[in-house]
Amino acid sequence: MSFLCTIGFHSWDGCKCKECGKKLTNQKRLSFIVKNDKDFAIRAEAVTKIKSQIKLVDVANNDTDWNVRIEAVKKITDETALAEIAKNDDKKIVRDTAVHKIIDEKILTDIAKHAKIAEVRKEAAIKITNQTELADILKSDKNAEVRETVINKITDQEVLAYAAKNDDKKTICETAVHKITDEKILADIAKNAKNADLRKKTVKQITDQAVLAGIAKNDTDLKVREEAVKKITDQFVLSEIAKGDKNWGIRKEAINKLTNQTVLEEIAKNVNEDSLREEAVKNITNQNILNNFAKNDKRMFVRLEAVKKITDLTILLDVAKNDEDPLVCEEAKKRIMNYKL
C-alpha cells in the first residue's frame, strides 16, 4: 500500500484503492467496513481479510446477509462457535459450512442430538464414527432422514437388529436387514418381525436350511413361505413340503426345486393334484422313469410332459403309433422329426 493511501489522499472502492489498486489490510479499517458498509459484497470481501476470531464470530452471528456470514464461517477455527452457528443460522448453506468445518466428535454428537433443525442433525451425523453415539441417535431421533443417514453408518449387528424390528420406516428396516450378516439375528427377524415384506427380504439372506424349513412350513404369510422354499436345497425337506403342504403353490415351488429322481417319481405317481404330477414329470431326467410315464400314465398331460423329455427313439415311435391322444402322438412325432441319428 502506498504512502498516499496510508495518509488518506487516495480514495477507496470497498477494500481496494481506486488509485493504485492496492488491497486494504488495516484491521481497524476492515472491521469498520464489515460493520458499516451497506454493500454486502464489500462487507463479504472485507471479512476475508479479518484476522480476529472474535470479530469473525460476531459477524457470523450477526450480519444480516448470509453471503457475509458464510465468509466469516469459512475463517472461524473455534469449533464451539461453529457449532452454535450450525444450530442457529437461518440459512442452510451457512449451517452446512459450519458443520463441515467441525472435526471434534463430541461437538458433532451434541449437534446431531440437540440441533432443532433435522438437516443440521443429519449433516453432523454423517461425520460421526462412534458406534455407541450413532446407535443412540438411531433410537432417539424422530426424523426419518436423520435415521436413514445413521443406519448406513451402523455396523453393530445388535443395533441393526433393533432397527430392523422397531423402526417405523420401511426403508430403514430394509437397510438394516441388508447389513446384517449374523444368521441367528437374521433368523430371529425372519421369524418374529411383524411386517411380512421385511420377513421375506430377511429370508433371502438366510442360508441355514433348518431355519428356512421352519419358515417355509410355519410362516403365516404365503409369500414369505414361498421365498423360504426357493432357498431350500435340502432334498428331504423339499420332499416333505412337496408331499404334505396344504398350499398348491408352495408344493409346486418345492417340486421345482427337487432333483431327487426317486422322490419326483413318487410324487408324479401318488399326489392327488394332476397339475402337480405334471410339474414333477417336468423335473424328471431319468429316461426309464420318463418312458414308464409316457407309455402308462392315465393322464394325457402327464404323458405329454414325459414325451417332451424322452430321447429313446423306440419309445417315441411306440407312443406316436399307439397313444390314444392326438396331442401326445403329435408331440412324439415332433420329437422323432428332430431326432438326431
Protein backbone atom coordinates (compact mmCIF):
# COMPACT_ATOMS: atom_id res chain seq x y z
CA MET A 1 0.00 0.00 0.00
CA SER A 2 1.42 3.41 -0.99
CA PHE A 3 2.10 6.26 1.41
CA LEU A 4 -0.66 8.34 -0.23
CA CYS A 5 -3.13 5.55 0.50
CA THR A 6 -1.99 5.44 4.09
CA ILE A 7 -2.40 9.18 4.74
CA GLY A 8 -5.79 9.26 3.02
CA PHE A 9 -5.03 11.05 -0.29
CA HIS A 10 -6.34 8.11 -2.35
CA SER A 11 -9.98 7.09 -2.42
CA TRP A 12 -11.23 3.55 -1.86
CA ASP A 13 -13.68 1.27 -3.59
CA GLY A 14 -14.56 -1.05 -0.76
CA CYS A 15 -11.30 -2.79 0.15
CA LYS A 16 -9.42 -1.71 -2.96
CA CYS A 17 -7.62 1.60 -3.61
CA LYS A 18 -9.04 3.31 -6.71
CA GLU A 19 -5.73 5.00 -7.47
CA CYS A 20 -3.07 2.31 -7.04
CA GLY A 21 -5.14 -0.87 -6.86
CA LYS A 22 -3.72 -1.96 -3.52
CA LYS A 23 -5.83 -4.12 -1.18
CA LEU A 24 -6.75 -2.86 2.27
CA THR A 25 -5.00 -4.72 5.11
CA ASN A 26 -5.55 -2.41 8.06
CA GLN A 27 -7.61 -4.44 10.52
CA LYS A 28 -9.38 -1.47 12.11
CA ARG A 29 -10.49 -0.11 8.74
CA LEU A 30 -11.53 -3.59 7.61
CA SER A 31 -13.56 -4.03 10.80
CA PHE A 32 -15.23 -0.67 10.22
CA ILE A 33 -16.20 -1.68 6.67
CA VAL A 34 -17.55 -5.03 7.87
CA LYS A 35 -19.68 -3.27 10.46
CA ASN A 36 -20.89 -0.28 8.47
CA ASP A 37 -20.75 -0.72 4.71
CA LYS A 38 -24.21 -1.08 3.16
CA ASP A 39 -22.97 -3.21 0.27
CA PHE A 40 -22.97 -6.89 1.34
CA ALA A 41 -20.38 -7.76 -1.33
CA ILE A 42 -17.92 -5.24 0.11
CA ARG A 43 -18.57 -6.48 3.64
CA ALA A 44 -18.02 -10.06 2.46
CA GLU A 45 -14.71 -9.14 0.83
CA ALA A 46 -13.58 -7.32 3.94
CA VAL A 47 -14.41 -10.32 6.11
CA THR A 48 -11.98 -12.49 4.14
CA LYS A 49 -9.16 -10.28 5.43
CA ILE A 50 -10.23 -10.11 9.08
CA LYS A 51 -7.86 -11.96 11.40
CA SER A 52 -9.62 -11.67 14.76
CA GLN A 53 -11.60 -14.80 15.62
CA ILE A 54 -13.79 -12.79 18.00
CA LYS A 55 -14.77 -10.38 15.23
CA LEU A 56 -15.33 -13.22 12.75
CA VAL A 57 -17.65 -14.97 15.18
CA ASP A 58 -19.51 -11.71 15.76
CA VAL A 59 -20.01 -11.25 12.01
CA ALA A 60 -21.07 -14.87 11.55
CA ASN A 61 -23.69 -14.48 14.26
CA ASN A 62 -24.97 -11.01 13.48
CA ASP A 63 -24.55 -9.91 9.87
CA THR A 64 -27.90 -9.66 8.08
CA ASP A 65 -26.62 -11.14 4.82
CA TRP A 66 -25.75 -14.84 4.52
CA ASN A 67 -23.04 -14.12 1.93
CA VAL A 68 -21.15 -12.19 4.56
CA ARG A 69 -21.83 -14.69 7.31
CA ILE A 70 -20.57 -17.62 5.26
CA GLU A 71 -17.28 -15.86 4.55
CA ALA A 72 -16.85 -15.38 8.27
CA VAL A 73 -17.68 -19.03 8.95
CA LYS A 74 -15.03 -20.14 6.46
CA LYS A 75 -12.36 -18.41 8.56
CA ILE A 76 -13.57 -19.44 12.03
CA THR A 77 -11.49 -22.12 13.75
CA ASP A 78 -13.33 -22.21 17.10
CA GLU A 79 -15.44 -25.38 16.78
CA THR A 80 -17.69 -24.46 19.71
CA ALA A 81 -18.58 -21.22 17.93
CA LEU A 82 -19.11 -23.13 14.68
CA ALA A 83 -21.48 -25.47 16.49
CA GLU A 84 -23.66 -22.58 17.64
CA ILE A 85 -23.75 -21.21 14.11
CA ALA A 86 -24.64 -24.65 12.77
CA LYS A 87 -27.54 -24.88 15.21
CA ASN A 88 -28.89 -21.37 14.85
CA ASP A 89 -28.23 -19.84 11.44
CA ASP A 90 -31.35 -19.50 9.29
CA LYS A 91 -29.53 -20.31 6.02
CA LYS A 92 -28.82 -23.94 5.16
CA ILE A 93 -25.60 -23.27 3.27
CA VAL A 94 -24.18 -21.38 6.26
CA ARG A 95 -25.21 -24.16 8.66
CA ASP A 96 -23.72 -26.83 6.40
CA THR A 97 -20.47 -24.91 6.01
CA ALA A 98 -20.16 -24.65 9.78
CA VAL A 99 -20.82 -28.36 10.32
CA HIS A 100 -18.36 -29.39 7.63
CA LYS A 101 -15.58 -27.49 9.41
CA ILE A 102 -16.11 -29.30 12.71
CA ILE A 103 -13.87 -32.29 13.48
CA ASP A 104 -14.44 -32.83 17.20
CA GLU A 105 -16.82 -35.81 17.55
CA LYS A 106 -18.16 -34.63 20.91
CA ILE A 107 -19.24 -31.35 19.35
CA LEU A 108 -20.66 -33.13 16.30
CA THR A 109 -22.55 -35.52 18.57
CA ASP A 110 -24.03 -32.64 20.52
CA ILE A 111 -25.25 -31.09 17.27
CA ALA A 112 -26.60 -34.41 15.98
CA LYS A 113 -28.57 -34.94 19.18
CA HIS A 114 -29.73 -31.43 20.06
CA ALA A 115 -29.94 -29.22 16.98
CA LYS A 116 -33.57 -28.24 16.36
CA ILE A 117 -33.27 -28.47 12.57
CA ALA A 118 -33.24 -32.05 11.25
CA GLU A 119 -30.96 -31.21 8.32
CA VAL A 120 -28.31 -29.95 10.74
CA ARG A 121 -28.55 -33.11 12.82
CA LYS A 122 -28.22 -35.16 9.64
CA GLU A 123 -25.11 -33.31 8.44
CA ALA A 124 -23.47 -33.74 11.83
CA ALA A 125 -24.37 -37.44 11.98
CA ILE A 126 -22.65 -38.02 8.63
CA LYS A 127 -19.32 -37.14 10.28
CA ILE A 128 -19.75 -39.25 13.43
CA THR A 129 -17.93 -42.59 13.67
CA ASN A 130 -18.62 -43.57 17.28
CA GLN A 131 -20.99 -46.55 17.07
CA THR A 132 -22.45 -46.04 20.55
CA GLU A 133 -23.40 -42.45 19.80
CA LEU A 134 -24.77 -43.40 16.37
CA ALA A 135 -26.90 -46.10 17.97
CA ASP A 136 -28.28 -43.57 20.46
CA ILE A 137 -29.19 -41.18 17.64
CA LEU A 138 -30.77 -44.01 15.64
CA LYS A 139 -33.00 -44.98 18.53
CA SER A 140 -33.98 -41.49 19.63
CA ASP A 141 -34.21 -39.20 16.59
CA LYS A 142 -37.77 -38.73 15.35
CA ASN A 143 -36.74 -37.64 11.85
CA ALA A 144 -36.56 -40.48 9.31
CA GLU A 145 -33.92 -38.77 7.16
CA VAL A 146 -31.59 -38.49 10.12
CA ARG A 147 -32.12 -42.15 11.00
CA GLU A 148 -31.59 -43.19 7.36
CA THR A 149 -28.25 -41.40 7.42
CA VAL A 150 -27.27 -43.09 10.66
CA ILE A 151 -28.33 -46.63 9.69
CA ASN A 152 -25.90 -46.50 6.77
CA LYS A 153 -23.06 -45.92 9.24
CA ILE A 154 -24.02 -48.58 11.79
CA THR A 155 -22.02 -51.82 11.83
CA ASP A 156 -23.09 -53.27 15.19
CA GLN A 157 -25.27 -56.29 14.42
CA GLU A 158 -27.44 -55.97 17.53
CA VAL A 159 -28.17 -52.32 16.81
CA LEU A 160 -29.05 -53.19 13.22
CA ALA A 161 -31.38 -55.88 14.53
CA TYR A 162 -33.06 -53.37 16.84
CA ALA A 163 -33.64 -51.02 13.91
CA ALA A 164 -34.94 -53.79 11.69
CA LYS A 165 -37.52 -54.85 14.25
CA ASN A 166 -38.51 -51.49 15.72
CA ASP A 167 -38.11 -48.63 13.25
CA ASP A 168 -41.37 -47.45 11.71
CA LYS A 169 -39.69 -46.51 8.41
CA LYS A 170 -39.70 -49.41 5.93
CA THR A 171 -36.53 -48.36 4.09
CA ILE A 172 -34.58 -48.14 7.35
CA CYS A 173 -35.68 -51.64 8.35
CA GLU A 174 -34.68 -52.98 4.94
CA THR A 175 -31.28 -51.28 5.05
CA ALA A 176 -30.68 -52.72 8.50
CA VAL A 177 -31.52 -56.23 7.35
CA HIS A 178 -29.31 -55.87 4.29
CA LYS A 179 -26.36 -55.04 6.54
CA ILE A 180 -26.88 -57.94 8.94
CA THR A 181 -24.64 -60.96 8.42
CA ASP A 182 -25.28 -62.85 11.66
CA GLU A 183 -27.54 -65.82 10.76
CA LYS A 184 -29.02 -66.08 14.27
CA ILE A 185 -30.11 -62.44 14.17
CA LEU A 186 -31.49 -62.85 10.65
CA ALA A 187 -33.42 -65.93 11.74
CA ASP A 188 -34.93 -64.03 14.67
CA ILE A 189 -36.08 -61.21 12.38
CA ALA A 190 -37.40 -63.63 9.76
CA LYS A 191 -39.46 -65.41 12.40
CA ASN A 192 -40.62 -62.52 14.54
CA ALA A 193 -40.76 -59.28 12.54
CA LYS A 194 -44.33 -58.02 12.28
CA ASN A 195 -44.01 -56.87 8.68
CA ALA A 196 -44.30 -59.72 6.16
CA ASP A 197 -42.34 -57.88 3.45
CA LEU A 198 -39.46 -57.45 5.87
CA ARG A 199 -39.57 -61.14 6.83
CA LYS A 200 -39.48 -62.01 3.12
CA LYS A 201 -36.44 -59.81 2.48
CA THR A 202 -34.72 -61.29 5.51
CA VAL A 203 -35.32 -64.84 4.30
CA LYS A 204 -33.38 -64.00 1.12
CA GLN A 205 -30.23 -63.62 3.25
CA ILE A 206 -30.61 -66.83 5.23
CA THR A 207 -28.72 -69.99 4.27
CA ASP A 208 -29.44 -72.18 7.31
CA GLN A 209 -31.58 -74.99 5.92
CA ALA A 210 -33.28 -75.82 9.24
CA VAL A 211 -34.32 -72.20 9.72
CA LEU A 212 -35.61 -71.98 6.16
CA ALA A 213 -37.56 -75.21 6.59
CA GLY A 214 -39.26 -73.88 9.71
CA ILE A 215 -40.22 -70.64 7.98
CA ALA A 216 -41.43 -72.48 4.88
CA LYS A 217 -43.71 -74.65 6.98
CA ASN A 218 -44.88 -72.21 9.63
CA ASP A 219 -44.93 -68.59 8.49
CA THR A 220 -48.40 -67.07 8.27
CA ASP A 221 -47.66 -65.25 5.01
CA LEU A 222 -47.67 -67.20 1.74
CA LYS A 223 -45.04 -65.04 0.01
CA VAL A 224 -42.64 -65.46 2.94
CA ARG A 225 -43.09 -69.23 2.80
CA GLU A 226 -42.52 -69.25 -0.97
CA GLU A 227 -39.30 -67.27 -0.55
CA ALA A 228 -38.08 -69.75 2.05
CA VAL A 229 -38.80 -72.71 -0.26
CA LYS A 230 -36.81 -71.03 -3.05
CA LYS A 231 -33.78 -71.00 -0.75
CA ILE A 232 -34.08 -74.61 0.41
CA THR A 233 -31.72 -77.14 -1.15
CA ASP A 234 -32.23 -80.00 1.31
CA GLN A 235 -34.00 -82.67 -0.75
CA PHE A 236 -35.64 -84.33 2.24
CA VAL A 237 -37.19 -81.06 3.42
CA LEU A 238 -38.33 -80.24 -0.10
CA SER A 239 -39.92 -83.66 -0.48
CA GLU A 240 -41.80 -83.21 2.80
CA ILE A 241 -43.17 -79.86 1.62
CA ALA A 242 -43.94 -81.14 -1.87
CA LYS A 243 -45.92 -84.07 -0.50
CA GLY A 244 -47.60 -82.58 2.51
CA ASP A 245 -48.06 -78.80 2.36
CA LYS A 246 -51.66 -77.61 2.21
CA ASN A 247 -50.95 -74.86 -0.32
CA TRP A 248 -50.71 -75.82 -4.00
CA GLY A 249 -48.27 -73.00 -4.87
CA ILE A 250 -45.88 -73.96 -2.07
CA ARG A 251 -45.93 -77.59 -3.14
CA LYS A 252 -45.27 -76.60 -6.75
CA GLU A 253 -42.31 -74.45 -5.70
CA ALA A 254 -40.87 -77.35 -3.71
CA ILE A 255 -41.33 -79.76 -6.63
CA ASN A 256 -39.49 -77.42 -8.95
CA LYS A 257 -36.56 -77.40 -6.52
CA LEU A 258 -36.38 -81.18 -6.28
CA THR A 259 -33.66 -83.06 -8.13
CA ASN A 260 -34.03 -86.46 -6.43
CA GLN A 261 -35.44 -88.65 -9.19
CA THR A 262 -36.94 -91.25 -6.87
CA VAL A 263 -38.86 -88.61 -4.94
CA LEU A 264 -40.05 -86.94 -8.13
CA GLU A 265 -41.24 -90.29 -9.46
CA GLU A 266 -43.11 -90.95 -6.21
CA ILE A 267 -44.80 -87.54 -6.39
CA ALA A 268 -45.66 -87.97 -10.06
CA LYS A 269 -47.33 -91.30 -9.27
CA ASN A 270 -49.06 -90.60 -5.99
CA VAL A 271 -50.06 -86.98 -5.37
CA ASN A 272 -53.74 -86.17 -5.81
CA GLU A 273 -53.41 -82.99 -7.88
CA ASP A 274 -52.75 -83.83 -11.52
CA SER A 275 -51.13 -80.46 -12.18
CA LEU A 276 -48.52 -81.22 -9.51
CA ARG A 277 -47.88 -84.63 -11.07
CA GLU A 278 -47.14 -82.81 -14.32
CA GLU A 279 -44.73 -80.47 -12.53
CA ALA A 280 -42.92 -83.48 -11.08
CA VAL A 281 -42.56 -85.09 -14.52
CA LYS A 282 -41.13 -81.84 -15.91
CA ASN A 283 -38.26 -82.19 -13.44
CA ILE A 284 -37.52 -85.87 -14.08
CA THR A 285 -34.44 -86.60 -16.15
CA ASN A 286 -34.23 -90.37 -15.66
CA GLN A 287 -35.18 -91.85 -19.02
CA ASN A 288 -36.52 -95.14 -17.63
CA ILE A 289 -38.92 -93.27 -15.36
CA LEU A 290 -39.99 -90.97 -18.20
CA ASN A 291 -40.54 -93.90 -20.54
CA ASN A 292 -42.83 -95.51 -17.99
CA PHE A 293 -44.94 -92.36 -17.60
CA ALA A 294 -45.10 -91.78 -21.37
CA LYS A 295 -46.44 -95.26 -22.03
CA ASN A 296 -48.56 -95.99 -18.97
CA ASP A 297 -49.87 -92.92 -17.17
CA LYS A 298 -53.64 -92.43 -17.39
CA ARG A 299 -53.49 -88.65 -17.57
CA MET A 300 -52.80 -87.22 -21.03
CA PHE A 301 -50.90 -84.15 -19.81
CA VAL A 302 -48.57 -86.28 -17.69
CA ARG A 303 -47.79 -88.48 -20.73
CA LEU A 304 -47.30 -85.32 -22.83
CA GLU A 305 -44.74 -83.85 -20.41
CA ALA A 306 -42.88 -87.17 -20.31
CA VAL A 307 -42.74 -87.39 -24.13
CA LYS A 308 -41.24 -83.89 -24.30
CA LYS A 309 -38.18 -85.17 -22.44
CA ILE A 310 -37.73 -88.66 -23.91
CA THR A 311 -34.64 -89.35 -26.00
CA ASP A 312 -35.29 -93.05 -26.78
CA LEU A 313 -36.37 -93.30 -30.45
CA THR A 314 -38.02 -96.68 -29.93
CA ILE A 315 -40.24 -95.31 -27.19
CA LEU A 316 -41.13 -92.24 -29.25
CA LEU A 317 -42.11 -94.41 -32.22
CA ASP A 318 -44.25 -96.56 -29.97
CA VAL A 319 -46.01 -93.55 -28.44
CA ALA A 320 -46.55 -91.88 -31.81
CA LYS A 321 -48.21 -95.04 -33.08
CA ASN A 322 -50.19 -96.19 -30.08
CA ASP A 323 -51.08 -93.30 -27.73
CA GLU A 324 -54.81 -92.67 -27.67
CA ASP A 325 -54.50 -88.88 -27.55
CA PRO A 326 -53.67 -86.88 -30.73
CA LEU A 327 -51.66 -84.25 -28.81
CA VAL A 328 -49.35 -86.86 -27.31
CA CYS A 329 -48.95 -88.58 -30.70
CA GLU A 330 -48.16 -85.26 -32.36
CA GLU A 331 -45.55 -84.40 -29.74
CA ALA A 332 -43.91 -87.78 -30.21
CA LYS A 333 -43.81 -87.24 -33.99
CA LYS A 334 -42.18 -83.82 -33.50
CA ARG A 335 -39.53 -85.42 -31.32
CA ILE A 336 -38.93 -88.08 -33.95
CA MET A 337 -38.58 -85.49 -36.73
CA ASN A 338 -35.96 -83.67 -34.66
CA TYR A 339 -34.22 -86.83 -33.60
CA LYS A 340 -30.51 -86.89 -34.42
CA LEU A 341 -29.39 -90.28 -35.66
